[in-house]
Amino acid sequence: MIADAVAALFTLFLVEPFEARTREALAAARAPEAVIRDVAACAARAAPALAERAVADPAGAAATVVRLWMGTRDATSLLDEVDPGCAAALAAARRHLGAGEPT
């Protein structure tokens, strides 16, 4: 139950904003819809794993959130770390965005 609540908070405050910013940037870069969908799916898959981490280590999760908001940690590296299956989708997004990160 706590993990569900934490997952909902991660989705609301981290996953959805990341997904929205990335979708807008990729659309502006005229990336294929498949790339946009893959990145969104990756972010959605990561939410439960992020929640599990947060329940296991609340202080670490809080520190990660602060680093993300401050810009000292990027969301793509976190997604790569949580779900290595995201690497291909994030690499495709990076190609369409140039050298920048989809954050």
C-alpha atoms as a PDB file:
ATOM      1  CA  MET A   1       0.000   0.000   0.000  1.00  0.00           C
ATOM      2  CA  ILE A   2       2.799   2.431   0.852  1.00  0.00           C
ATOM      3  CA  ALA A   3       4.619   1.416  -2.316  1.00  0.00           C
ATOM      4  CA  ASP A   4       1.484   2.212  -4.342  1.00  0.00           C
ATOM      5  CA  ALA A   5       1.278   5.675  -2.796  1.00  0.00           C
ATOM      6  CA  VAL A   6       4.967   6.310  -3.408  1.00  0.00           C
ATOM      7  CA  ALA A   7       4.624   5.081  -7.003  1.00  0.00           C
ATOM      8  CA  ALA A   8       1.740   7.498  -7.515  1.00  0.00           C
ATOM      9  CA  LEU A   9       3.829  10.378  -6.151  1.00  0.00           C
ATOM     10  CA  PHE A  10       6.800   9.482  -8.354  1.00  0.00           C
ATOM     11  CA  THR A  11       4.498   9.281 -11.334  1.00  0.00           C
ATOM     12  CA  LEU A  12       2.878  12.627 -10.562  1.00  0.00           C
ATOM     13  CA  PHE A  13       5.990  14.620  -9.712  1.00  0.00           C
ATOM     14  CA  LEU A  14       8.755  12.955 -11.735  1.00  0.00           C
ATOM     15  CA  VAL A  15       7.564  10.610 -14.448  1.00  0.00           C
ATOM     16  CA  GLU A  16       4.751  12.729 -15.884  1.00  0.00           C
ATOM     17  CA  PRO A  17       6.757  15.986 -16.029  1.00  0.00           C
ATOM     18  CA  PHE A  18       9.731  14.151 -17.579  1.00  0.00           C
ATOM     19  CA  GLU A  19       7.443  12.493 -20.088  1.00  0.00           C
ATOM     20  CA  ALA A  20       5.718  15.781 -20.987  1.00  0.00           C
ATOM     21  CA  ARG A  21       8.984  17.715 -21.445  1.00  0.00           C
ATOM     22  CA  THR A  22      10.489  14.908 -23.484  1.00  0.00           C
ATOM     23  CA  ARG A  23       7.382  14.495 -25.637  1.00  0.00           C
ATOM     24  CA  GLU A  24       7.363  18.240 -26.401  1.00  0.00           C
ATOM     25  CA  ALA A  25      11.087  18.337 -27.189  1.00  0.00           C
ATOM     26  CA  LEU A  26      10.908  15.254 -29.416  1.00  0.00           C
ATOM     27  CA  ALA A  27       7.825  16.546 -31.213  1.00  0.00           C
ATOM     28  CA  ALA A  28       9.571  19.871 -31.824  1.00  0.00           C
ATOM     29  CA  ALA A  29      12.570  17.941 -33.188  1.00  0.00           C
ATOM     30  CA  ARG A  30      10.174  16.005 -35.451  1.00  0.00           C
ATOM     31  CA  ALA A  31      11.138  12.657 -33.957  1.00  0.00           C
ATOM     32  CA  PRO A  32       9.086   9.664 -35.094  1.00  0.00           C
ATOM     33  CA  GLU A  33       6.068   8.848 -32.948  1.00  0.00           C
ATOM     34  CA  ALA A  34       7.630   5.441 -32.201  1.00  0.00           C
ATOM     35  CA  VAL A  35      10.568   7.119 -30.450  1.00  0.00           C
ATOM     36  CA  ILE A  36       8.217   9.307 -28.423  1.00  0.00           C
ATOM     37  CA  ARG A  37       6.114   6.278 -27.464  1.00  0.00           C
ATOM     38  CA  ASP A  38       9.173   4.236 -26.488  1.00  0.00           C
ATOM     39  CA  VAL A  39      10.491   6.938 -24.166  1.00  0.00           C
ATOM     40  CA  ALA A  40       7.050   7.363 -22.569  1.00  0.00           C
ATOM     41  CA  ALA A  41       6.752   3.599 -22.057  1.00  0.00           C
ATOM     42  CA  CYS A  42      10.200   3.507 -20.511  1.00  0.00           C
ATOM     43  CA  ALA A  43       9.303   6.249 -18.047  1.00  0.00           C
ATOM     44  CA  ALA A  44       6.059   4.478 -17.133  1.00  0.00           C
ATOM     45  CA  ARG A  45       7.874   1.165 -16.561  1.00  0.00           C
ATOM     46  CA  ALA A  46      10.368   2.871 -14.276  1.00  0.00           C
ATOM     47  CA  ALA A  47       7.776   4.253 -11.843  1.00  0.00           C
ATOM     48  CA  PRO A  48       7.234   1.010  -9.852  1.00  0.00           C
ATOM     49  CA  ALA A  49      10.984   0.381  -9.592  1.00  0.00           C
ATOM     50  CA  LEU A  50      11.511   3.946  -8.401  1.00  0.00           C
ATOM     51  CA  ALA A  51       8.776   3.456  -5.815  1.00  0.00           C
ATOM     52  CA  GLU A  52      10.407   0.270  -4.539  1.00  0.00           C
ATOM     53  CA  ARG A  53      13.693   2.119  -4.159  1.00  0.00           C
ATOM     54  CA  ALA A  54      11.972   4.974  -2.350  1.00  0.00           C
ATOM     55  CA  VAL A  55      10.255   2.637   0.110  1.00  0.00           C
ATOM     56  CA  ALA A  56      13.540   0.828   0.777  1.00  0.00           C
ATOM     57  CA  ASP A  57      15.578   4.049   1.096  1.00  0.00           C
ATOM     58  CA  PRO A  58      13.412   7.130   1.689  1.00  0.00           C
ATOM     59  CA  ALA A  59      16.385   9.398   2.390  1.00  0.00           C
ATOM     60  CA  GLY A  60      18.088   8.328  -0.828  1.00  0.00           C
ATOM     61  CA  ALA A  61      14.879   8.873  -2.765  1.00  0.00           C
ATOM     62  CA  ALA A  62      14.453  12.352  -1.297  1.00  0.00           C
ATOM     63  CA  ALA A  63      18.040  13.200  -2.191  1.00  0.00           C
ATOM     64  CA  THR A  64      17.493  11.950  -5.748  1.00  0.00           C
ATOM     65  CA  VAL A  65      14.359  14.071  -6.121  1.00  0.00           C
ATOM     66  CA  VAL A  66      16.200  17.164  -4.909  1.00  0.00           C
ATOM     67  CA  ARG A  67      19.093  16.480  -7.314  1.00  0.00           C
ATOM     68  CA  LEU A  68      16.668  16.043 -10.199  1.00  0.00           C
ATOM     69  CA  TRP A  69      14.879  19.299  -9.402  1.00  0.00           C
ATOM     70  CA  MET A  70      18.184  21.137  -8.972  1.00  0.00           C
ATOM     71  CA  GLY A  71      19.496  19.741 -12.232  1.00  0.00           C
ATOM     72  CA  THR A  72      22.529  18.030 -10.710  1.00  0.00           C
ATOM     73  CA  ARG A  73      21.148  14.613 -11.707  1.00  0.00           C
ATOM     74  CA  ASP A  74      19.443  13.958 -15.003  1.00  0.00           C
ATOM     75  CA  ALA A  75      16.366  11.803 -15.384  1.00  0.00           C
ATOM     76  CA  THR A  76      17.790   9.808 -18.285  1.00  0.00           C
ATOM     77  CA  SER A  77      20.668   8.445 -16.220  1.00  0.00           C
ATOM     78  CA  LEU A  78      18.206   7.512 -13.485  1.00  0.00           C
ATOM     79  CA  LEU A  79      15.981   5.702 -15.990  1.00  0.00           C
ATOM     80  CA  ASP A  80      19.008   3.905 -17.442  1.00  0.00           C
ATOM     81  CA  GLU A  81      19.973   2.837 -13.940  1.00  0.00           C
ATOM     82  CA  VAL A  82      16.493   1.679 -12.923  1.00  0.00           C
ATOM     83  CA  ASP A  83      15.609  -0.017 -16.225  1.00  0.00           C
ATOM     84  CA  PRO A  84      18.567  -0.899 -18.448  1.00  0.00           C
ATOM     85  CA  GLY A  85      15.991  -1.750 -21.135  1.00  0.00           C
ATOM     86  CA  CYS A  86      15.473   2.004 -21.509  1.00  0.00           C
ATOM     87  CA  ALA A  87      18.905   2.510 -23.041  1.00  0.00           C
ATOM     88  CA  ALA A  88      17.797   2.024 -26.655  1.00  0.00           C
ATOM     89  CA  ALA A  89      14.782   4.335 -26.345  1.00  0.00           C
ATOM     90  CA  LEU A  90      16.807   7.031 -24.602  1.00  0.00           C
ATOM     91  CA  ALA A  91      19.627   6.750 -27.157  1.00  0.00           C
ATOM     92  CA  ALA A  92      17.103   7.198 -29.976  1.00  0.00           C
ATOM     93  CA  ALA A  93      15.679  10.244 -28.225  1.00  0.00           C
ATOM     94  CA  ARG A  94      19.152  11.719 -27.778  1.00  0.00           C
ATOM     95  CA  ARG A  95      19.871  11.282 -31.496  1.00  0.00           C
ATOM     96  CA  HIS A  96      16.794  13.329 -32.375  1.00  0.00           C
ATOM     97  CA  LEU A  97      17.584  15.974 -29.789  1.00  0.00           C
ATOM     98  CA  GLY A  98      21.235  16.319 -30.737  1.00  0.00           C
ATOM     99  CA  ALA A  99      23.736  16.228 -27.898  1.00  0.00           C
ATOM    100  CA  GLY A 100      21.175  17.267 -25.285  1.00  0.00           C
ATOM    101  CA  GLU A 101      19.436  15.010 -22.815  1.00  0.00           C
ATOM    102  CA  PRO A 102      15.673  14.430 -22.934  1.00  0.00           C
ATOM    103  CA  THR A 103      15.077  15.941 -19.489  1.00  0.00           C
END
